[in-house]
C-alpha atoms as a PDB file:
ATOM      1  CA  UNK A   1     -23.917  41.759 151.526  1.00  0.00           C
ATOM      2  CA  UNK A   2     -22.762  38.804 152.604  1.00  0.00           C
ATOM      3  CA  UNK A   3     -25.702  38.939 156.079  1.00  0.00           C
ATOM      4  CA  UNK A   4     -28.446  39.340 153.127  1.00  0.00           C
ATOM      5  CA  UNK A   5     -27.107  36.038 150.748  1.00  0.00           C
ATOM      6  CA  UNK A   6     -26.855  34.168 153.669  1.00  0.00           C
ATOM      7  CA  UNK A   7     -30.136  35.170 155.217  1.00  0.00           C
ATOM      8  CA  UNK A   8     -31.734  34.282 151.837  1.00  0.00           C
ATOM      9  CA  UNK A   9     -29.829  30.835 151.715  1.00  0.00           C
ATOM     10  CA  UNK A  10     -31.249  30.084 154.978  1.00  0.00           C
ATOM     11  CA  UNK A  11     -35.098  31.091 154.253  1.00  0.00           C
ATOM     12  CA  UNK A  12     -34.406  29.286 151.052  1.00  0.00           C
ATOM     13  CA  UNK A  13     -33.423  26.111 152.551  1.00  0.00           C
ATOM     14  CA  UNK A  14     -35.851  26.540 155.448  1.00  0.00           C
ATOM     15  CA  UNK A  15     -38.967  26.866 153.254  1.00  0.00           C
ATOM     16  CA  UNK A  16     -37.990  23.978 150.876  1.00  0.00           C
ATOM     17  CA  UNK A  17     -36.988  21.909 153.551  1.00  0.00           C
ATOM     18  CA  UNK A  18     -41.209  22.757 155.048  1.00  0.00           C
ATOM     19  CA  UNK A  19     -42.331  22.364 151.349  1.00  0.00           C
ATOM     20  CA  UNK A  20     -40.654  18.659 150.943  1.00  0.00           C
ATOM     21  CA  UNK A  21     -41.809  17.508 154.373  1.00  0.00           C
ATOM     22  CA  UNK A  22     -45.415  17.758 153.954  1.00  0.00           C
ATOM     23  CA  UNK A  23     -46.054  13.607 153.850  1.00  0.00           C
ATOM     24  CA  UNK A  24     -44.214  11.801 156.672  1.00  0.00           C
ATOM     25  CA  UNK A  25     -42.210   8.925 155.859  1.00  0.00           C
ATOM     26  CA  UNK A  26     -43.509   5.199 156.887  1.00  0.00           C
ATOM     27  CA  UNK A  27     -42.281   2.470 156.494  1.00  0.00           C
ATOM     28  CA  UNK A  28     -43.772   0.190 153.691  1.00  0.00           C
ATOM     29  CA  UNK A  29     -45.661  -2.777 155.003  1.00  0.00           C
ATOM     30  CA  UNK A  30     -44.234  -6.412 154.764  1.00  0.00           C
ATOM     31  CA  UNK A  31     -45.614  -8.162 151.421  1.00  0.00           C
ATOM     32  CA  UNK A  32     -47.790 -11.250 151.299  1.00  0.00           C
ATOM     33  CA  UNK A  33     -47.257 -13.463 148.184  1.00  0.00           C
ATOM     34  CA  UNK A  34     -50.985 -13.468 147.114  1.00  0.00           C
ATOM     35  CA  UNK A  35     -51.455 -16.873 145.037  1.00  0.00           C
ATOM     36  CA  UNK A  36     -55.945 -17.416 144.033  1.00  0.00           C
ATOM     37  CA  UNK A  37     -56.420 -20.435 142.874  1.00  0.00           C
ATOM     38  CA  UNK A  38     -59.426 -21.794 140.789  1.00  0.00           C
ATOM     39  CA  UNK A  39     -62.253 -23.740 143.016  1.00  0.00           C
ATOM     40  CA  UNK A  40     -61.270 -27.475 141.573  1.00  0.00           C
ATOM     41  CA  UNK A  41     -63.768 -29.267 139.579  1.00  0.00           C
ATOM     42  CA  UNK A  42     -63.327 -32.648 138.982  1.00  0.00           C
ATOM     43  CA  UNK A  43     -64.667 -34.797 136.285  1.00  0.00           C
ATOM     44  CA  UNK A  44     -63.999 -38.974 136.013  1.00  0.00           C
ATOM     45  CA  UNK A  45     -60.888 -39.991 133.716  1.00  0.00           C
ATOM     46  CA  UNK A  46     -61.923 -43.408 132.262  1.00  0.00           C
ATOM     47  CA  UNK A  47     -59.429 -45.287 129.225  1.00  0.00           C
ATOM     48  CA  UNK A  48     -59.153 -48.924 128.650  1.00  0.00           C
ATOM     49  CA  UNK A  49     -57.164 -49.283 131.532  1.00  0.00           C
ATOM     50  CA  UNK A  50     -57.465 -51.293 134.782  1.00  0.00           C
ATOM     51  CA  UNK A  51     -58.466 -48.372 136.957  1.00  0.00           C
ATOM     52  CA  UNK A  52     -60.298 -45.185 136.591  1.00  0.00           C
ATOM     53  CA  UNK A  53     -60.450 -42.070 139.226  1.00  0.00           C
ATOM     54  CA  UNK A  54     -61.784 -38.104 139.292  1.00  0.00           C
ATOM     55  CA  UNK A  55     -59.080 -35.125 138.253  1.00  0.00           C
ATOM     56  CA  UNK A  56     -58.840 -31.338 138.710  1.00  0.00           C
ATOM     57  CA  UNK A  57     -60.028 -29.907 135.030  1.00  0.00           C
ATOM     58  CA  UNK A  58     -57.296 -27.370 136.065  1.00  0.00           C
ATOM     59  CA  UNK A  59     -54.614 -30.092 135.176  1.00  0.00           C
ATOM     60  CA  UNK A  60     -54.185 -31.487 131.831  1.00  0.00           C
ATOM     61  CA  UNK A  61     -54.434 -35.963 131.836  1.00  0.00           C
ATOM     62  CA  UNK A  62     -51.703 -36.765 128.997  1.00  0.00           C
ATOM     63  CA  UNK A  63     -51.341 -41.028 127.783  1.00  0.00           C
ATOM     64  CA  UNK A  64     -48.015 -42.079 127.966  1.00  0.00           C
ATOM     65  CA  UNK A  65     -48.875 -46.151 127.048  1.00  0.00           C
ATOM     66  CA  UNK A  66     -49.581 -48.835 129.038  1.00  0.00           C
ATOM     67  CA  UNK A  67     -51.886 -47.231 131.331  1.00  0.00           C
ATOM     68  CA  UNK A  68     -49.582 -44.858 133.092  1.00  0.00           C
ATOM     69  CA  UNK A  69     -50.425 -40.743 132.758  1.00  0.00           C
ATOM     70  CA  UNK A  70     -48.838 -37.791 133.576  1.00  0.00           C
ATOM     71  CA  UNK A  71     -51.421 -34.828 134.903  1.00  0.00           C
ATOM     72  CA  UNK A  72     -50.209 -31.654 134.195  1.00  0.00           C
ATOM     73  CA  UNK A  73     -50.703 -28.694 135.756  1.00  0.00           C
ATOM     74  CA  UNK A  74     -49.422 -26.058 133.829  1.00  0.00           C
ATOM     75  CA  UNK A  75     -50.039 -22.555 135.681  1.00  0.00           C
ATOM     76  CA  UNK A  76     -48.363 -24.321 139.243  1.00  0.00           C
ATOM     77  CA  UNK A  77     -45.650 -25.566 137.095  1.00  0.00           C
ATOM     78  CA  UNK A  78     -45.878 -29.815 138.348  1.00  0.00           C
ATOM     79  CA  UNK A  79     -46.972 -32.624 137.032  1.00  0.00           C
ATOM     80  CA  UNK A  80     -48.456 -35.441 138.730  1.00  0.00           C
ATOM     81  CA  UNK A  81     -46.883 -38.626 137.396  1.00  0.00           C
ATOM     82  CA  UNK A  82     -49.176 -42.128 137.384  1.00  0.00           C
ATOM     83  CA  UNK A  83     -47.786 -45.392 137.392  1.00  0.00           C
ATOM     84  CA  UNK A  84     -49.633 -48.258 136.647  1.00  0.00           C
ATOM     85  CA  UNK A  85     -48.110 -52.368 136.935  1.00  0.00           C
ATOM     86  CA  UNK A  86     -50.439 -55.682 137.163  1.00  0.00           C
ATOM     87  CA  UNK A  87     -49.984 -57.748 140.367  1.00  0.00           C
ATOM     88  CA  UNK A  88     -48.250 -60.919 138.780  1.00  0.00           C
ATOM     89  CA  UNK A  89     -47.031 -62.685 142.303  1.00  0.00           C
ATOM     90  CA  UNK A  90     -44.928 -59.526 142.919  1.00  0.00           C
ATOM     91  CA  UNK A  91     -46.824 -57.472 145.821  1.00  0.00           C
ATOM     92  CA  UNK A  92     -43.908 -57.307 148.247  1.00  0.00           C
ATOM     93  CA  UNK A  93     -42.153 -55.746 145.324  1.00  0.00           C
ATOM     94  CA  UNK A  94     -43.672 -53.266 144.206  1.00  0.00           C
ATOM     95  CA  UNK A  95     -44.705 -51.914 147.504  1.00  0.00           C
ATOM     96  CA  UNK A  96     -40.772 -51.956 148.474  1.00  0.00           C
ATOM     97  CA  UNK A  97     -40.423 -50.609 145.202  1.00  0.00           C
ATOM     98  CA  UNK A  98     -43.215 -47.329 145.951  1.00  0.00           C
ATOM     99  CA  UNK A  99     -42.096 -47.471 149.442  1.00  0.00           C
ATOM    100  CA  UNK A 100     -38.244 -47.082 148.218  1.00  0.00           C
ATOM    101  CA  UNK A 101     -39.488 -43.877 146.079  1.00  0.00           C
ATOM    102  CA  UNK A 102     -40.866 -42.474 148.799  1.00  0.00           C
ATOM    103  CA  UNK A 103     -37.587 -42.332 151.285  1.00  0.00           C
ATOM    104  CA  UNK A 104     -35.213 -41.512 148.564  1.00  0.00           C
ATOM    105  CA  UNK A 105     -36.180 -37.969 149.737  1.00  0.00           C
ATOM    106  CA  UNK A 106     -35.243 -38.294 153.132  1.00  0.00           C
ATOM    107  CA  UNK A 107     -31.872 -36.662 152.134  1.00  0.00           C
ATOM    108  CA  UNK A 108     -33.607 -33.289 151.576  1.00  0.00           C
ATOM    109  CA  UNK A 109     -37.110 -34.102 153.542  1.00  0.00           C
ATOM    110  CA  UNK A 110     -37.115 -32.004 156.693  1.00  0.00           C
ATOM    111  CA  UNK A 111     -39.717 -35.364 157.561  1.00  0.00           C
ATOM    112  CA  UNK A 112     -42.185 -37.666 156.016  1.00  0.00           C
ATOM    113  CA  UNK A 113     -45.856 -38.475 157.575  1.00  0.00           C
ATOM    114  CA  UNK A 114     -47.271 -41.498 156.104  1.00  0.00           C
ATOM    115  CA  UNK A 115     -51.115 -41.712 155.828  1.00  0.00           C
ATOM    116  CA  UNK A 116     -52.791 -45.495 155.325  1.00  0.00           C
ATOM    117  CA  UNK A 117     -55.433 -45.486 153.383  1.00  0.00           C
ATOM    118  CA  UNK A 118     -58.043 -47.893 153.064  1.00  0.00           C
ATOM    119  CA  UNK A 119     -61.372 -48.839 150.989  1.00  0.00           C
ATOM    120  CA  UNK A 120     -62.763 -51.753 151.866  1.00  0.00           C
ATOM    121  CA  UNK A 121     -65.895 -51.384 149.662  1.00  0.00           C
ATOM    122  CA  UNK A 122     -63.591 -50.515 146.269  1.00  0.00           C
ATOM    123  CA  UNK A 123     -61.403 -52.770 147.269  1.00  0.00           C
ATOM    124  CA  UNK A 124     -58.712 -50.325 147.475  1.00  0.00           C
ATOM    125  CA  UNK A 125     -55.451 -50.246 149.741  1.00  0.00           C
ATOM    126  CA  UNK A 126     -52.625 -47.752 149.813  1.00  0.00           C
ATOM    127  CA  UNK A 127     -50.634 -44.913 151.572  1.00  0.00           C
ATOM    128  CA  UNK A 128     -50.083 -41.485 151.437  1.00  0.00           C
ATOM    129  CA  UNK A 129     -46.780 -39.640 151.986  1.00  0.00           C
ATOM    130  CA  UNK A 130     -46.487 -35.850 152.718  1.00  0.00           C
ATOM    131  CA  UNK A 131     -42.378 -35.036 152.672  1.00  0.00           C
ATOM    132  CA  UNK A 132     -41.839 -32.030 154.351  1.00  0.00           C
ATOM    133  CA  UNK A 133     -38.635 -29.619 153.209  1.00  0.00           C
ATOM    134  CA  UNK A 134     -37.463 -29.050 150.163  1.00  0.00           C
ATOM    135  CA  UNK A 135     -37.717 -32.486 148.253  1.00  0.00           C
ATOM    136  CA  UNK A 136     -38.147 -32.929 144.726  1.00  0.00           C
ATOM    137  CA  UNK A 137     -41.647 -34.510 145.895  1.00  0.00           C
ATOM    138  CA  UNK A 138     -43.931 -33.027 148.421  1.00  0.00           C
ATOM    139  CA  UNK A 139     -46.940 -35.741 148.065  1.00  0.00           C
ATOM    140  CA  UNK A 140     -46.787 -39.336 146.812  1.00  0.00           C
ATOM    141  CA  UNK A 141     -49.184 -42.229 147.247  1.00  0.00           C
ATOM    142  CA  UNK A 142     -49.271 -46.028 146.038  1.00  0.00           C
ATOM    143  CA  UNK A 143     -52.589 -47.957 145.835  1.00  0.00           C
ATOM    144  CA  UNK A 144     -53.551 -51.505 144.963  1.00  0.00           C
ATOM    145  CA  UNK A 145     -56.110 -54.121 145.444  1.00  0.00           C
ATOM    146  CA  UNK A 146     -52.848 -56.240 145.932  1.00  0.00           C
ATOM    147  CA  UNK A 147     -54.169 -59.270 143.481  1.00  0.00           C
ATOM    148  CA  UNK A 148     -54.421 -57.709 139.945  1.00  0.00           C
ATOM    149  CA  UNK A 149     -53.693 -53.718 140.537  1.00  0.00           C
ATOM    150  CA  UNK A 150     -51.115 -51.441 141.409  1.00  0.00           C
ATOM    151  CA  UNK A 151     -50.641 -47.767 140.843  1.00  0.00           C
ATOM    152  CA  UNK A 152     -48.124 -45.264 142.278  1.00  0.00           C
ATOM    153  CA  UNK A 153     -48.730 -41.201 141.646  1.00  0.00           C
ATOM    154  CA  UNK A 154     -46.154 -38.927 142.986  1.00  0.00           C
ATOM    155  CA  UNK A 155     -46.317 -34.805 141.905  1.00  0.00           C
ATOM    156  CA  UNK A 156     -43.269 -32.944 140.841  1.00  0.00           C
ATOM    157  CA  UNK A 157     -43.111 -28.721 140.237  1.00  0.00           C
ATOM    158  CA  UNK A 158     -40.125 -27.471 137.442  1.00  0.00           C
ATOM    159  CA  UNK A 159     -38.393 -25.575 139.796  1.00  0.00           C
ATOM    160  CA  UNK A 160     -35.704 -26.169 141.913  1.00  0.00           C
ATOM    161  CA  UNK A 161     -37.249 -27.642 145.344  1.00  0.00           C
ATOM    162  CA  UNK A 162     -37.721 -24.510 147.532  1.00  0.00           C
ATOM    163  CA  UNK A 163     -40.467 -25.631 150.248  1.00  0.00           C
ATOM    164  CA  UNK A 164     -41.322 -21.895 151.176  1.00  0.00           C
ATOM    165  CA  UNK A 165     -42.387 -21.197 147.379  1.00  0.00           C
ATOM    166  CA  UNK A 166     -43.844 -24.212 146.195  1.00  0.00           C
ATOM    167  CA  UNK A 167     -46.322 -24.852 149.426  1.00  0.00           C
ATOM    168  CA  UNK A 168     -49.329 -22.950 148.584  1.00  0.00           C
ATOM    169  CA  UNK A 169     -49.387 -25.097 144.822  1.00  0.00           C
ATOM    170  CA  UNK A 170     -48.271 -28.248 146.642  1.00  0.00           C
ATOM    171  CA  UNK A 171     -51.212 -28.001 149.333  1.00  0.00           C
ATOM    172  CA  UNK A 172     -53.302 -27.128 146.314  1.00  0.00           C
ATOM    173  CA  UNK A 173     -52.212 -30.477 144.391  1.00  0.00           C
ATOM    174  CA  UNK A 174     -52.298 -32.540 147.470  1.00  0.00           C
ATOM    175  CA  UNK A 175     -56.334 -32.101 147.697  1.00  0.00           C
ATOM    176  CA  UNK A 176     -56.004 -33.151 144.231  1.00  0.00           C
ATOM    177  CA  UNK A 177     -54.308 -36.332 145.317  1.00  0.00           C
ATOM    178  CA  UNK A 178     -56.347 -36.953 147.502  1.00  0.00           C
ATOM    179  CA  UNK A 179     -59.609 -37.091 145.470  1.00  0.00           C
ATOM    180  CA  UNK A 180     -57.697 -39.053 143.235  1.00  0.00           C
ATOM    181  CA  UNK A 181     -57.091 -41.539 145.717  1.00  0.00           C
ATOM    182  CA  UNK A 182     -60.752 -41.810 147.331  1.00  0.00           C
ATOM    183  CA  UNK A 183     -62.603 -41.825 143.612  1.00  0.00           C
ATOM    184  CA  UNK A 184     -60.250 -44.563 142.056  1.00  0.00           C
ATOM    185  CA  UNK A 185     -62.176 -47.534 141.001  1.00  0.00           C
ATOM    186  CA  UNK A 186     -60.709 -50.793 139.725  1.00  0.00           C
ATOM    187  CA  UNK A 187     -61.785 -52.444 136.716  1.00  0.00           C
ATOM    188  CA  UNK A 188     -62.462 -56.073 136.629  1.00  0.00           C
END
C-alpha cells in the first residue's frame, strides 16, 4: 500500500510541476520614467512695467508687485521667480548680487556653466547659468540694459533637490527661460 501511495504522490507532484511550469520565468525589463510635457505655446506678457517677455502658457504668471512676477508650473511642481530692479548708479552691486545668488549653489552643484547673452538690437545683456547636480535651482539668469533696467530670474522646484528626478522638468523649463530671455524687450 505504501508503494502505491508513494507512486501516487510522485505522479501528482510531477503532474503539478509540469502543469505549473508552462510559462518560462523571465526577468522584468528595466522601467524608464516616461514624462510627456505639452508642446510649448508662448504668449507675450505685458504689464505696466519696464519690460515685456514671452512665457509658456503651461505656466501661470502671478504678479508679486513692484514689477516682480512668479511663473508657476503646477504640473511640474516648479516656480520661476522674476525680480526686477531699476538701475540707479548701482549696476555693479546688482551684477554682484545676481552672481552671488547663483554661486551660493556651488556647495551642492556639480558645476556651473555660464553662458553670456547679448542682444544689441534690444539692448539686452546678461548671463544664463546652468547649475548641475543637486542644487536648489538648476537654471538662473540676469538681464540688463545697463542704464535703466535689471531683471533676475531663477527656477526652483517644490521638492528636495535630486538632479536625476527633476532633470526632465528642469530641461523643459530651461527652454522656457531661454525663450523669456530672447523675447525680453525693455520699455522706454
